[in-house]
Amino acid sequence: MSIRFTTAICVFMLGISSADAHAMLDHSTPAVGSTVQKAPRQISLWFTEGVEPAFSGVTVRNGAGQTVSTGKAHLAPGGKTALQVPVGQLPPGIYKVEWHVLSVDTHKTQGAYSFTVGGH
């Protein structure tokens, strides 16, 4: 194989892997599947790349499916990879966090996870 052909293949493969990048959930507070004794006042989600807050959102629901998030998701101070959403007073129970984001490279992703307040 010629050097030019090999280089072209490498550049093509690098282009494919960066085109497949999406903003995926990296970690959260409260953590995915965790049990916390003290109810959080906000939910924070960190993603693997920057997100566009105007086209992203977070909804928190209680065990009955009622929305308990009390505000619009916004970028956390100091970065473009974390969203925060305030929540009201959370009594003991299981909560589901549903998220959808548009990454800065225009890919859409979504997901959900649960956490428990009060050792339920």
PDB file of N, CA and C in Angstrom:
ATOM      1  N   MET A   1       0.830  -1.184   0.000  1.00  0.00           N
ATOM      2  CA  MET A   1       0.000   0.000   0.000  1.00  0.00           C
ATOM      3  C   MET A   1       0.868   1.239   0.000  1.00  0.00           C
ATOM      4  N   SER A   2       0.399   2.235  -0.679  1.00  0.00           N
ATOM      5  CA  SER A   2       1.157   3.479  -0.701  1.00  0.00           C
ATOM      6  C   SER A   2       0.899   4.262   0.578  1.00  0.00           C
ATOM      7  N   ILE A   3       1.796   5.157   0.895  1.00  0.00           N
ATOM      8  CA  ILE A   3       1.664   6.022   2.070  1.00  0.00           C
ATOM      9  C   ILE A   3       0.411   6.896   1.935  1.00  0.00           C
ATOM     10  N   ARG A   4       0.162   7.414   0.738  1.00  0.00           N
ATOM     11  CA  ARG A   4      -1.011   8.269   0.536  1.00  0.00           C
ATOM     12  C   ARG A   4      -2.301   7.495   0.791  1.00  0.00           C
ATOM     13  N   PHE A   5      -2.379   6.275   0.297  1.00  0.00           N
ATOM     14  CA  PHE A   5      -3.574   5.463   0.493  1.00  0.00           C
ATOM     15  C   PHE A   5      -3.775   5.164   1.976  1.00  0.00           C
ATOM     16  N   THR A   6      -2.725   4.789   2.667  1.00  0.00           N
ATOM     17  CA  THR A   6      -2.803   4.498   4.098  1.00  0.00           C
ATOM     18  C   THR A   6      -3.226   5.738   4.871  1.00  0.00           C
ATOM     19  N   THR A   7      -2.656   6.880   4.534  1.00  0.00           N
ATOM     20  CA  THR A   7      -3.017   8.132   5.199  1.00  0.00           C
ATOM     21  C   THR A   7      -4.484   8.467   4.947  1.00  0.00           C
ATOM     22  N   ALA A   8      -4.928   8.289   3.711  1.00  0.00           N
ATOM     23  CA  ALA A   8      -6.326   8.570   3.382  1.00  0.00           C
ATOM     24  C   ALA A   8      -7.271   7.680   4.188  1.00  0.00           C
ATOM     25  N   ILE A   9      -6.940   6.410   4.325  1.00  0.00           N
ATOM     26  CA  ILE A   9      -7.767   5.490   5.112  1.00  0.00           C
ATOM     27  C   ILE A   9      -7.803   5.933   6.573  1.00  0.00           C
ATOM     28  N   CYS A  10      -6.668   6.316   7.132  1.00  0.00           N
ATOM     29  CA  CYS A  10      -6.610   6.764   8.529  1.00  0.00           C
ATOM     30  C   CYS A  10      -7.460   8.013   8.736  1.00  0.00           C
ATOM     31  N   VAL A  11      -7.351   8.969   7.844  1.00  0.00           N
ATOM     32  CA  VAL A  11      -8.146  10.197   7.946  1.00  0.00           C
ATOM     33  C   VAL A  11      -9.630   9.864   7.846  1.00  0.00           C
ATOM     34  N   PHE A  12      -9.996   8.982   6.935  1.00  0.00           N
ATOM     35  CA  PHE A  12     -11.392   8.562   6.787  1.00  0.00           C
ATOM     36  C   PHE A  12     -11.902   7.915   8.079  1.00  0.00           C
ATOM     37  N   MET A  13     -11.126   7.037   8.674  1.00  0.00           N
ATOM     38  CA  MET A  13     -11.532   6.349   9.902  1.00  0.00           C
ATOM     39  C   MET A  13     -11.645   7.326  11.067  1.00  0.00           C
ATOM     40  N   LEU A  14     -10.754   8.279  11.162  1.00  0.00           N
ATOM     41  CA  LEU A  14     -10.856   9.288  12.218  1.00  0.00           C
ATOM     42  C   LEU A  14     -12.125  10.103  12.043  1.00  0.00           C
ATOM     43  N   GLY A  15     -12.462  10.422  10.823  1.00  0.00           N
ATOM     44  CA  GLY A  15     -13.692  11.164  10.547  1.00  0.00           C
ATOM     45  C   GLY A  15     -14.922  10.395  10.968  1.00  0.00           C
ATOM     46  N   ILE A  16     -14.916   9.091  10.775  1.00  0.00           N
ATOM     47  CA  ILE A  16     -16.063   8.263  11.175  1.00  0.00           C
ATOM     48  C   ILE A  16     -16.210   8.265  12.684  1.00  0.00           C
ATOM     49  N   SER A  17     -15.124   8.084  13.430  1.00  0.00           N
ATOM     50  CA  SER A  17     -15.278   8.021  14.871  1.00  0.00           C
ATOM     51  C   SER A  17     -15.703   9.349  15.459  1.00  0.00           C
ATOM     52  N   SER A  18     -15.251  10.476  14.950  1.00  0.00           N
ATOM     53  CA  SER A  18     -15.707  11.737  15.505  1.00  0.00           C
ATOM     54  C   SER A  18     -17.131  12.046  15.077  1.00  0.00           C
ATOM     55  N   ALA A  19     -17.561  11.541  13.942  1.00  0.00           N
ATOM     56  CA  ALA A  19     -18.940  11.763  13.515  1.00  0.00           C
ATOM     57  C   ALA A  19     -19.912  10.953  14.365  1.00  0.00           C
ATOM     58  N   ASP A  20     -19.450   9.870  14.964  1.00  0.00           N
ATOM     59  CA  ASP A  20     -20.308   9.041  15.792  1.00  0.00           C
ATOM     60  C   ASP A  20     -20.386   9.522  17.238  1.00  0.00           C
ATOM     61  N   ALA A  21     -19.678  10.577  17.600  1.00  0.00           N
ATOM     62  CA  ALA A  21     -19.672  11.061  18.973  1.00  0.00           C
ATOM     63  C   ALA A  21     -21.032  11.649  19.331  1.00  0.00           C
ATOM     64  N   HIS A  22     -21.509  11.324  20.516  1.00  0.00           N
ATOM     65  CA  HIS A  22     -22.767  11.852  21.034  1.00  0.00           C
ATOM     66  C   HIS A  22     -22.548  12.256  22.484  1.00  0.00           C
ATOM     67  N   ALA A  23     -23.353  13.190  22.949  1.00  0.00           N
ATOM     68  CA  ALA A  23     -23.295  13.579  24.356  1.00  0.00           C
ATOM     69  C   ALA A  23     -24.052  12.529  25.166  1.00  0.00           C
ATOM     70  N   MET A  24     -23.328  11.677  25.838  1.00  0.00           N
ATOM     71  CA  MET A  24     -23.932  10.641  26.668  1.00  0.00           C
ATOM     72  C   MET A  24     -23.769  11.019  28.135  1.00  0.00           C
ATOM     73  N   LEU A  25     -24.663  10.534  28.967  1.00  0.00           N
ATOM     74  CA  LEU A  25     -24.579  10.812  30.394  1.00  0.00           C
ATOM     75  C   LEU A  25     -23.313  10.184  30.958  1.00  0.00           C
ATOM     76  N   ASP A  26     -22.482  11.002  31.593  1.00  0.00           N
ATOM     77  CA  ASP A  26     -21.243  10.529  32.199  1.00  0.00           C
ATOM     78  C   ASP A  26     -21.472  10.184  33.669  1.00  0.00           C
ATOM     79  N   HIS A  27     -22.062  11.120  34.419  1.00  0.00           N
ATOM     80  CA  HIS A  27     -22.417  10.875  35.813  1.00  0.00           C
ATOM     81  C   HIS A  27     -23.448  11.908  36.248  1.00  0.00           C
ATOM     82  N   SER A  28     -24.003  11.706  37.429  1.00  0.00           N
ATOM     83  CA  SER A  28     -25.059  12.586  37.910  1.00  0.00           C
ATOM     84  C   SER A  28     -25.024  12.691  39.421  1.00  0.00           C
ATOM     85  N   THR A  29     -25.720  13.714  39.929  1.00  0.00           N
ATOM     86  CA  THR A  29     -25.939  13.877  41.362  1.00  0.00           C
ATOM     87  C   THR A  29     -27.413  14.159  41.566  1.00  0.00           C
ATOM     88  N   PRO A  30     -28.122  13.296  42.294  1.00  0.00           N
ATOM     89  CA  PRO A  30     -27.731  12.007  42.829  1.00  0.00           C
ATOM     90  C   PRO A  30     -27.313  11.035  41.716  1.00  0.00           C
ATOM     91  N   ALA A  31     -26.470  10.096  42.110  1.00  0.00           N
ATOM     92  CA  ALA A  31     -25.917   9.139  41.156  1.00  0.00           C
ATOM     93  C   ALA A  31     -26.995   8.176  40.656  1.00  0.00           C
ATOM     94  N   VAL A  32     -26.783   7.672  39.470  1.00  0.00           N
ATOM     95  CA  VAL A  32     -27.674   6.694  38.850  1.00  0.00           C
ATOM     96  C   VAL A  32     -27.849   5.502  39.792  1.00  0.00           C
ATOM     97  N   GLY A  33     -29.097   5.164  40.108  1.00  0.00           N
ATOM     98  CA  GLY A  33     -29.402   4.006  40.942  1.00  0.00           C
ATOM     99  C   GLY A  33     -29.084   4.160  42.414  1.00  0.00           C
ATOM    100  N   SER A  34     -28.701   5.355  42.850  1.00  0.00           N
ATOM    101  CA  SER A  34     -28.283   5.547  44.240  1.00  0.00           C
ATOM    102  C   SER A  34     -29.466   5.732  45.183  1.00  0.00           C
ATOM    103  N   THR A  35     -29.182   5.605  46.463  1.00  0.00           N
ATOM    104  CA  THR A  35     -30.125   5.947  47.521  1.00  0.00           C
ATOM    105  C   THR A  35     -29.485   7.047  48.344  1.00  0.00           C
ATOM    106  N   VAL A  36     -30.194   8.167  48.504  1.00  0.00           N
ATOM    107  CA  VAL A  36     -29.692   9.286  49.297  1.00  0.00           C
ATOM    108  C   VAL A  36     -30.619   9.478  50.488  1.00  0.00           C
ATOM    109  N   GLN A  37     -30.051   9.798  51.631  1.00  0.00           N
ATOM    110  CA  GLN A  37     -30.868  10.023  52.825  1.00  0.00           C
ATOM    111  C   GLN A  37     -31.455  11.433  52.841  1.00  0.00           C
ATOM    112  N   LYS A  38     -30.697  12.389  52.329  1.00  0.00           N
ATOM    113  CA  LYS A  38     -31.147  13.782  52.281  1.00  0.00           C
ATOM    114  C   LYS A  38     -31.564  14.113  50.855  1.00  0.00           C
ATOM    115  N   ALA A  39     -32.775  14.645  50.701  1.00  0.00           N
ATOM    116  CA  ALA A  39     -33.295  14.982  49.378  1.00  0.00           C
ATOM    117  C   ALA A  39     -32.490  16.118  48.753  1.00  0.00           C
ATOM    118  N   PRO A  40     -32.132  15.987  47.489  1.00  0.00           N
ATOM    119  CA  PRO A  40     -31.394  17.062  46.816  1.00  0.00           C
ATOM    120  C   PRO A  40     -32.319  18.238  46.508  1.00  0.00           C
ATOM    121  N   ARG A  41     -31.765  19.422  46.373  1.00  0.00           N
ATOM    122  CA  ARG A  41     -32.521  20.607  45.966  1.00  0.00           C
ATOM    123  C   ARG A  41     -32.439  20.806  44.457  1.00  0.00           C
ATOM    124  N   GLN A  42     -31.468  20.136  43.831  1.00  0.00           N
ATOM    125  CA  GLN A  42     -31.329  20.183  42.378  1.00  0.00           C
ATOM    126  C   GLN A  42     -30.720  18.876  41.903  1.00  0.00           C
ATOM    127  N   ILE A  43     -30.969  18.575  40.633  1.00  0.00           N
ATOM    128  CA  ILE A  43     -30.385  17.409  39.986  1.00  0.00           C
ATOM    129  C   ILE A  43     -29.338  17.932  39.021  1.00  0.00           C
ATOM    130  N   SER A  44     -28.156  17.328  39.037  1.00  0.00           N
ATOM    131  CA  SER A  44     -27.078  17.721  38.132  1.00  0.00           C
ATOM    132  C   SER A  44     -26.679  16.532  37.269  1.00  0.00           C
ATOM    133  N   LEU A  45     -26.535  16.787  35.965  1.00  0.00           N
ATOM    134  CA  LEU A  45     -26.162  15.756  35.006  1.00  0.00           C
ATOM    135  C   LEU A  45     -24.945  16.219  34.223  1.00  0.00           C
ATOM    136  N   TRP A  46     -23.897  15.399  34.181  1.00  0.00           N
ATOM    137  CA  TRP A  46     -22.689  15.709  33.419  1.00  0.00           C
ATOM    138  C   TRP A  46     -22.651  14.809  32.190  1.00  0.00           C
ATOM    139  N   PHE A  47     -22.346  15.411  31.046  1.00  0.00           N
ATOM    140  CA  PHE A  47     -22.312  14.690  29.783  1.00  0.00           C
ATOM    141  C   PHE A  47     -20.895  14.599  29.234  1.00  0.00           C
ATOM    142  N   THR A  48     -20.706  13.695  28.289  1.00  0.00           N
ATOM    143  CA  THR A  48     -19.376  13.433  27.741  1.00  0.00           C
ATOM    144  C   THR A  48     -18.898  14.504  26.775  1.00  0.00           C
ATOM    145  N   GLU A  49     -19.783  15.414  26.377  1.00  0.00           N
ATOM    146  CA  GLU A  49     -19.391  16.556  25.551  1.00  0.00           C
ATOM    147  C   GLU A  49     -20.376  17.684  25.808  1.00  0.00           C
ATOM    148  N   GLY A  50     -20.080  18.873  25.291  1.00  0.00           N
ATOM    149  CA  GLY A  50     -20.913  20.037  25.509  1.00  0.00           C
ATOM    150  C   GLY A  50     -22.325  19.863  24.977  1.00  0.00           C
ATOM    151  N   VAL A  51     -23.290  20.501  25.655  1.00  0.00           N
ATOM    152  CA  VAL A  51     -24.689  20.434  25.243  1.00  0.00           C
ATOM    153  C   VAL A  51     -25.236  21.844  25.021  1.00  0.00           C
ATOM    154  N   GLU A  52     -26.278  21.922  24.206  1.00  0.00           N
ATOM    155  CA  GLU A  52     -26.968  23.183  23.917  1.00  0.00           C
ATOM    156  C   GLU A  52     -28.180  23.273  24.845  1.00  0.00           C
ATOM    157  N   PRO A  53     -28.140  24.130  25.873  1.00  0.00           N
ATOM    158  CA  PRO A  53     -29.234  24.159  26.853  1.00  0.00           C
ATOM    159  C   PRO A  53     -30.587  24.550  26.271  1.00  0.00           C
ATOM    160  N   ALA A  54     -30.605  25.365  25.225  1.00  0.00           N
ATOM    161  CA  ALA A  54     -31.880  25.784  24.639  1.00  0.00           C
ATOM    162  C   ALA A  54     -32.639  24.622  24.005  1.00  0.00           C
ATOM    163  N   PHE A  55     -31.926  23.553  23.666  1.00  0.00           N
ATOM    164  CA  PHE A  55     -32.535  22.398  23.008  1.00  0.00           C
ATOM    165  C   PHE A  55     -32.398  21.131  23.841  1.00  0.00           C
ATOM    166  N   SER A  56     -32.182  21.300  25.136  1.00  0.00           N
ATOM    167  CA  SER A  56     -31.990  20.173  26.046  1.00  0.00           C
ATOM    168  C   SER A  56     -32.939  20.337  27.231  1.00  0.00           C
ATOM    169  N   GLY A  57     -33.231  19.242  27.893  1.00  0.00           N
ATOM    170  CA  GLY A  57     -34.119  19.343  29.039  1.00  0.00           C
ATOM    171  C   GLY A  57     -34.003  18.163  29.980  1.00  0.00           C
ATOM    172  N   VAL A  58     -34.470  18.387  31.212  1.00  0.00           N
ATOM    173  CA  VAL A  58     -34.472  17.365  32.254  1.00  0.00           C
ATOM    174  C   VAL A  58     -35.829  17.430  32.951  1.00  0.00           C
ATOM    175  N   THR A  59     -36.462  16.285  33.113  1.00  0.00           N
ATOM    176  CA  THR A  59     -37.711  16.198  33.858  1.00  0.00           C
ATOM    177  C   THR A  59     -37.524  15.170  34.958  1.00  0.00           C
ATOM    178  N   VAL A  60     -37.945  15.516  36.170  1.00  0.00           N
ATOM    179  CA  VAL A  60     -37.859  14.606  37.306  1.00  0.00           C
ATOM    180  C   VAL A  60     -39.288  14.264  37.714  1.00  0.00           C
ATOM    181  N   ARG A  61     -39.564  12.963  37.842  1.00  0.00           N
ATOM    182  CA  ARG A  61     -40.909  12.491  38.192  1.00  0.00           C
ATOM    183  C   ARG A  61     -40.867  11.644  39.458  1.00  0.00           C
ATOM    184  N   ASN A  62     -41.941  11.746  40.249  1.00  0.00           N
ATOM    185  CA  ASN A  62     -42.043  10.906  41.444  1.00  0.00           C
ATOM    186  C   ASN A  62     -42.594   9.536  41.064  1.00  0.00           C
ATOM    187  N   GLY A  63     -42.797   8.677  42.048  1.00  0.00           N
ATOM    188  CA  GLY A  63     -43.267   7.320  41.796  1.00  0.00           C
ATOM    189  C   GLY A  63     -44.640   7.250  41.131  1.00  0.00           C
ATOM    190  N   ALA A  64     -45.451   8.314  41.273  1.00  0.00           N
ATOM    191  CA  ALA A  64     -46.775   8.364  40.653  1.00  0.00           C
ATOM    192  C   ALA A  64     -46.715   8.951  39.245  1.00  0.00           C
ATOM    193  N   GLY A  65     -45.498   9.316  38.794  1.00  0.00           N
ATOM    194  CA  GLY A  65     -45.340   9.871  37.459  1.00  0.00           C
ATOM    195  C   GLY A  65     -45.552  11.371  37.372  1.00  0.00           C
ATOM    196  N   GLN A  66     -45.751  12.033  38.516  1.00  0.00           N
ATOM    197  CA  GLN A  66     -45.944  13.481  38.527  1.00  0.00           C
ATOM    198  C   GLN A  66     -44.606  14.199  38.446  1.00  0.00           C
ATOM    199  N   THR A  67     -44.566  15.282  37.680  1.00  0.00           N
ATOM    200  CA  THR A  67     -43.343  16.065  37.537  1.00  0.00           C
ATOM    201  C   THR A  67     -43.046  16.807  38.834  1.00  0.00           C
ATOM    202  N   VAL A  68     -41.807  16.685  39.315  1.00  0.00           N
ATOM    203  CA  VAL A  68     -41.394  17.392  40.528  1.00  0.00           C
ATOM    204  C   VAL A  68     -40.270  18.401  40.259  1.00  0.00           C
ATOM    205  N   SER A  69     -39.777  18.474  39.037  1.00  0.00           N
ATOM    206  CA  SER A  69     -38.778  19.501  38.730  1.00  0.00           C
ATOM    207  C   SER A  69     -39.501  20.843  38.704  1.00  0.00           C
ATOM    208  N   THR A  70     -38.842  21.875  39.225  1.00  0.00           N
ATOM    209  CA  THR A  70     -39.512  23.154  39.412  1.00  0.00           C
ATOM    210  C   THR A  70     -38.976  24.268  38.532  1.00  0.00           C
ATOM    211  N   GLY A  71     -38.098  23.945  37.622  1.00  0.00           N
ATOM    212  CA  GLY A  71     -37.552  24.978  36.760  1.00  0.00           C
ATOM    213  C   GLY A  71     -36.977  24.374  35.507  1.00  0.00           C
ATOM    214  N   LYS A  72     -36.554  25.248  34.626  1.00  0.00           N
ATOM    215  CA  LYS A  72     -35.958  24.815  33.364  1.00  0.00           C
ATOM    216  C   LYS A  72     -34.508  24.384  33.601  1.00  0.00           C
ATOM    217  N   ALA A  73     -34.095  23.341  32.901  1.00  0.00           N
ATOM    218  CA  ALA A  73     -32.698  22.900  32.985  1.00  0.00           C
ATOM    219  C   ALA A  73     -31.801  23.994  32.421  1.00  0.00           C
ATOM    220  N   HIS A  74     -30.670  24.199  33.067  1.00  0.00           N
ATOM    221  CA  HIS A  74     -29.708  25.213  32.640  1.00  0.00           C
ATOM    222  C   HIS A  74     -28.296  24.667  32.800  1.00  0.00           C
ATOM    223  N   LEU A  75     -27.347  25.292  32.125  1.00  0.00           N
ATOM    224  CA  LEU A  75     -25.952  24.886  32.254  1.00  0.00           C
ATOM    225  C   LEU A  75     -25.464  25.159  33.667  1.00  0.00           C
ATOM    226  N   ALA A  76     -24.692  24.249  34.203  1.00  0.00           N
ATOM    227  CA  ALA A  76     -24.057  24.457  35.502  1.00  0.00           C
ATOM    228  C   ALA A  76     -22.975  25.514  35.340  1.00  0.00           C
ATOM    229  N   PRO A  77     -22.716  26.294  36.376  1.00  0.00           N
ATOM    230  CA  PRO A  77     -21.672  27.315  36.277  1.00  0.00           C
ATOM    231  C   PRO A  77     -20.315  26.723  35.897  1.00  0.00           C
ATOM    232  N   GLY A  78     -19.621  27.406  35.004  1.00  0.00           N
ATOM    233  CA  GLY A  78     -18.256  27.035  34.674  1.00  0.00           C
ATOM    234  C   GLY A  78     -18.067  25.974  33.611  1.00  0.00           C
ATOM    235  N   GLY A  79     -19.081  25.663  32.842  1.00  0.00           N
ATOM    236  CA  GLY A  79     -18.869  24.643  31.825  1.00  0.00           C
ATOM    237  C   GLY A  79     -20.030  24.508  30.873  1.00  0.00           C
ATOM    238  N   LYS A  80     -19.834  23.679  29.867  1.00  0.00           N
ATOM    239  CA  LYS A  80     -20.885  23.435  28.872  1.00  0.00           C
ATOM    240  C   LYS A  80     -21.301  21.972  28.834  1.00  0.00           C
ATOM    241  N   THR A  81     -20.800  21.161  29.775  1.00  0.00           N
ATOM    242  CA  THR A  81     -21.115  19.740  29.742  1.00  0.00           C
ATOM    243  C   THR A  81     -22.066  19.310  30.848  1.00  0.00           C
ATOM    244  N   ALA A  82     -22.507  20.222  31.704  1.00  0.00           N
ATOM    245  CA  ALA A  82     -23.371  19.840  32.823  1.00  0.00           C
ATOM    246  C   ALA A  82     -24.661  20.648  32.822  1.00  0.00           C
ATOM    247  N   LEU A  83     -25.772  19.943  33.020  1.00  0.00           N
ATOM    248  CA  LEU A  83     -27.082  20.576  33.174  1.00  0.00           C
ATOM    249  C   LEU A  83     -27.545  20.413  34.610  1.00  0.00           C
ATOM    250  N   GLN A  84     -28.273  21.416  35.094  1.00  0.00           N
ATOM    251  CA  GLN A  84     -28.874  21.352  36.422  1.00  0.00           C
ATOM    252  C   GLN A  84     -30.343  21.712  36.301  1.00  0.00           C
ATOM    253  N   VAL A  85     -31.168  21.101  37.141  1.00  0.00           N
ATOM    254  CA  VAL A  85     -32.582  21.446  37.216  1.00  0.00           C
ATOM    255  C   VAL A  85     -32.982  21.446  38.691  1.00  0.00           C
ATOM    256  N   PRO A  86     -33.628  22.537  39.150  1.00  0.00           N
ATOM    257  CA  PRO A  86     -34.080  22.567  40.543  1.00  0.00           C
ATOM    258  C   PRO A  86     -35.269  21.636  40.745  1.00  0.00           C
ATOM    259  N   VAL A  87     -35.389  21.109  41.945  1.00  0.00           N
ATOM    260  CA  VAL A  87     -36.532  20.269  42.304  1.00  0.00           C
ATOM    261  C   VAL A  87     -37.134  20.816  43.594  1.00  0.00           C
ATOM    262  N   GLY A  88     -38.403  20.552  43.778  1.00  0.00           N
ATOM    263  CA  GLY A  88     -39.065  20.967  45.011  1.00  0.00           C
ATOM    264  C   GLY A  88     -38.660  20.064  46.167  1.00  0.00           C
ATOM    265  N   GLN A  89     -39.381  20.175  47.243  1.00  0.00           N
ATOM    266  CA  GLN A  89     -39.143  19.325  48.406  1.00  0.00           C
ATOM    267  C   GLN A  89     -39.488  17.889  48.023  1.00  0.00           C
ATOM    268  N   LEU A  90     -38.530  16.987  48.106  1.00  0.00           N
ATOM    269  CA  LEU A  90     -38.746  15.597  47.706  1.00  0.00           C
ATOM    270  C   LEU A  90     -38.946  14.716  48.935  1.00  0.00           C
ATOM    271  N   PRO A  91     -40.146  14.208  49.143  1.00  0.00           N
ATOM    272  CA  PRO A  91     -40.346  13.260  50.243  1.00  0.00           C
ATOM    273  C   PRO A  91     -39.696  11.918  49.903  1.00  0.00           C
ATOM    274  N   PRO A  92     -39.555  11.027  50.871  1.00  0.00           N
ATOM    275  CA  PRO A  92     -38.990   9.716  50.582  1.00  0.00           C
ATOM    276  C   PRO A  92     -39.738   9.023  49.448  1.00  0.00           C
ATOM    277  N   GLY A  93     -38.973   8.361  48.583  1.00  0.00           N
ATOM    278  CA  GLY A  93     -39.570   7.651  47.468  1.00  0.00           C
ATOM    279  C   GLY A  93     -38.587   7.460  46.334  1.00  0.00           C
ATOM    280  N   ILE A  94     -39.078   6.889  45.258  1.00  0.00           N
ATOM    281  CA  ILE A  94     -38.262   6.638  44.066  1.00  0.00           C
ATOM    282  C   ILE A  94     -38.574   7.722  43.044  1.00  0.00           C
ATOM    283  N   TYR A  95     -37.518   8.249  42.423  1.00  0.00           N
ATOM    284  CA  TYR A  95     -37.658   9.323  41.441  1.00  0.00           C
ATOM    285  C   TYR A  95     -36.988   8.914  40.134  1.00  0.00           C
ATOM    286  N   LYS A  96     -37.615   9.323  39.038  1.00  0.00           N
ATOM    287  CA  LYS A  96     -37.078   9.031  37.712  1.00  0.00           C
ATOM    288  C   LYS A  96     -36.636  10.341  37.070  1.00  0.00           C
ATOM    289  N   VAL A  97     -35.411  10.358  36.573  1.00  0.00           N
ATOM    290  CA  VAL A  97     -34.851  11.515  35.887  1.00  0.00           C
ATOM    291  C   VAL A  97     -34.823  11.191  34.400  1.00  0.00           C
ATOM    292  N   GLU A  98     -35.553  11.967  33.610  1.00  0.00           N
ATOM    293  CA  GLU A  98     -35.583  11.788  32.155  1.00  0.00           C
ATOM    294  C   GLU A  98     -34.855  12.965  31.529  1.00  0.00           C
ATOM    295  N   TRP A  99     -33.936  12.697  30.625  1.00  0.00           N
ATOM    296  CA  TRP A  99     -33.165  13.776  29.997  1.00  0.00           C
ATOM    297  C   TRP A  99     -33.120  13.608  28.488  1.00  0.00           C
ATOM    298  N   HIS A 100     -32.991  14.745  27.821  1.00  0.00           N
ATOM    299  CA  HIS A 100     -32.721  14.757  26.380  1.00  0.00           C
ATOM    300  C   HIS A 100     -31.804  15.949  26.123  1.00  0.00           C
ATOM    301  N   VAL A 101     -30.810  15.727  25.296  1.00  0.00           N
ATOM    302  CA  VAL A 101     -29.857  16.804  25.004  1.00  0.00           C
ATOM    303  C   VAL A 101     -29.541  16.860  23.519  1.00  0.00           C
ATOM    304  N   LEU A 102     -29.166  18.047  23.109  1.00  0.00           N
ATOM    305  CA  LEU A 102     -28.601  18.280  21.791  1.00  0.00           C
ATOM    306  C   LEU A 102     -27.156  18.671  22.047  1.00  0.00           C
ATOM    307  N   SER A 103     -26.219  17.865  21.557  1.00  0.00           N
ATOM    308  CA  SER A 103     -24.815  18.172  21.785  1.00  0.00           C
ATOM    309  C   SER A 103     -24.382  19.318  20.889  1.00  0.00           C
ATOM    310  N   VAL A 104     -23.239  19.920  21.217  1.00  0.00           N
ATOM    311  CA  VAL A 104     -22.739  21.048  20.433  1.00  0.00           C
ATOM    312  C   VAL A 104     -22.425  20.645  19.004  1.00  0.00           C
ATOM    313  N   ASP A 105     -22.262  19.346  18.740  1.00  0.00           N
ATOM    314  CA  ASP A 105     -22.042  18.900  17.359  1.00  0.00           C
ATOM    315  C   ASP A 105     -23.352  18.432  16.705  1.00  0.00           C
ATOM    316  N   THR A 106     -24.487  18.811  17.287  1.00  0.00           N
ATOM    317  CA  THR A 106     -25.851  18.624  16.777  1.00  0.00           C
ATOM    318  C   THR A 106     -26.405  17.204  16.836  1.00  0.00           C
ATOM    319  N   HIS A 107     -25.844  16.335  17.629  1.00  0.00           N
ATOM    320  CA  HIS A 107     -26.415  14.998  17.815  1.00  0.00           C
ATOM    321  C   HIS A 107     -27.384  15.025  18.988  1.00  0.00           C
ATOM    322  N   LYS A 108     -28.520  14.343  18.843  1.00  0.00           N
ATOM    323  CA  LYS A 108     -29.519  14.252  19.904  1.00  0.00           C
ATOM    324  C   LYS A 108     -29.374  12.911  20.621  1.00  0.00           C
ATOM    325  N   THR A 109     -29.445  12.964  21.940  1.00  0.00           N
ATOM    326  CA  THR A 109     -29.469  11.737  22.738  1.00  0.00           C
ATOM    327  C   THR A 109     -30.480  11.926  23.860  1.00  0.00           C
ATOM    328  N   GLN A 110     -30.921  10.818  24.428  1.00  0.00           N
ATOM    329  CA  GLN A 110     -31.861  10.875  25.540  1.00  0.00           C
ATOM    330  C   GLN A 110     -31.686   9.653  26.409  1.00  0.00           C
ATOM    331  N   GLY A 111     -32.204   9.737  27.612  1.00  0.00           N
ATOM    332  CA  GLY A 111     -32.118   8.609  28.513  1.00  0.00           C
ATOM    333  C   GLY A 111     -32.875   8.890  29.797  1.00  0.00           C
ATOM    334  N   ALA A 112     -32.824   7.947  30.698  1.00  0.00           N
ATOM    335  CA  ALA A 112     -33.497   8.076  31.979  1.00  0.00           C
ATOM    336  C   ALA A 112     -32.796   7.195  32.999  1.00  0.00           C
ATOM    337  N   TYR A 113     -32.925   7.566  34.247  1.00  0.00           N
ATOM    338  CA  TYR A 113     -32.418   6.750  35.344  1.00  0.00           C
ATOM    339  C   TYR A 113     -33.233   7.058  36.586  1.00  0.00           C
ATOM    340  N   SER A 114     -33.079   6.250  37.615  1.00  0.00           N
ATOM    341  CA  SER A 114     -33.814   6.440  38.864  1.00  0.00           C
ATOM    342  C   SER A 114     -32.865   6.587  40.034  1.00  0.00           C
ATOM    343  N   PHE A 115     -33.343   7.227  41.081  1.00  0.00           N
ATOM    344  CA  PHE A 115     -32.650   7.273  42.360  1.00  0.00           C
ATOM    345  C   PHE A 115     -33.726   7.252  43.442  1.00  0.00           C
ATOM    346  N   THR A 116     -33.322   6.963  44.666  1.00  0.00           N
ATOM    347  CA  THR A 116     -34.260   6.846  45.779  1.00  0.00           C
ATOM    348  C   THR A 116     -33.879   7.822  46.882  1.00  0.00           C
ATOM    349  N   VAL A 117     -34.869   8.450  47.455  1.00  0.00           N
ATOM    350  CA  VAL A 117     -34.674   9.316  48.623  1.00  0.00           C
ATOM    351  C   VAL A 117     -35.198   8.566  49.847  1.00  0.00           C
ATOM    352  N   GLY A 118     -34.351   8.467  50.873  1.00  0.00           N
ATOM    353  CA  GLY A 118     -34.798   7.932  52.150  1.00  0.00           C
ATOM    354  C   GLY A 118     -34.806   6.441  52.327  1.00  0.00           C
ATOM    355  N   GLY A 119     -33.996   5.720  51.589  1.00  0.00           N
ATOM    356  CA  GLY A 119     -33.864   4.275  51.813  1.00  0.00           C
ATOM    357  C   GLY A 119     -35.133   3.497  51.554  1.00  0.00           C
ATOM    358  N   HIS A 120     -35.913   3.930  50.635  1.00  0.00           N
ATOM    359  CA  HIS A 120     -37.185   3.300  50.271  1.00  0.00           C
ATOM    360  C   HIS A 120     -37.009   1.938  49.679  1.00  0.00           C
TER     361      HIS A 120
END
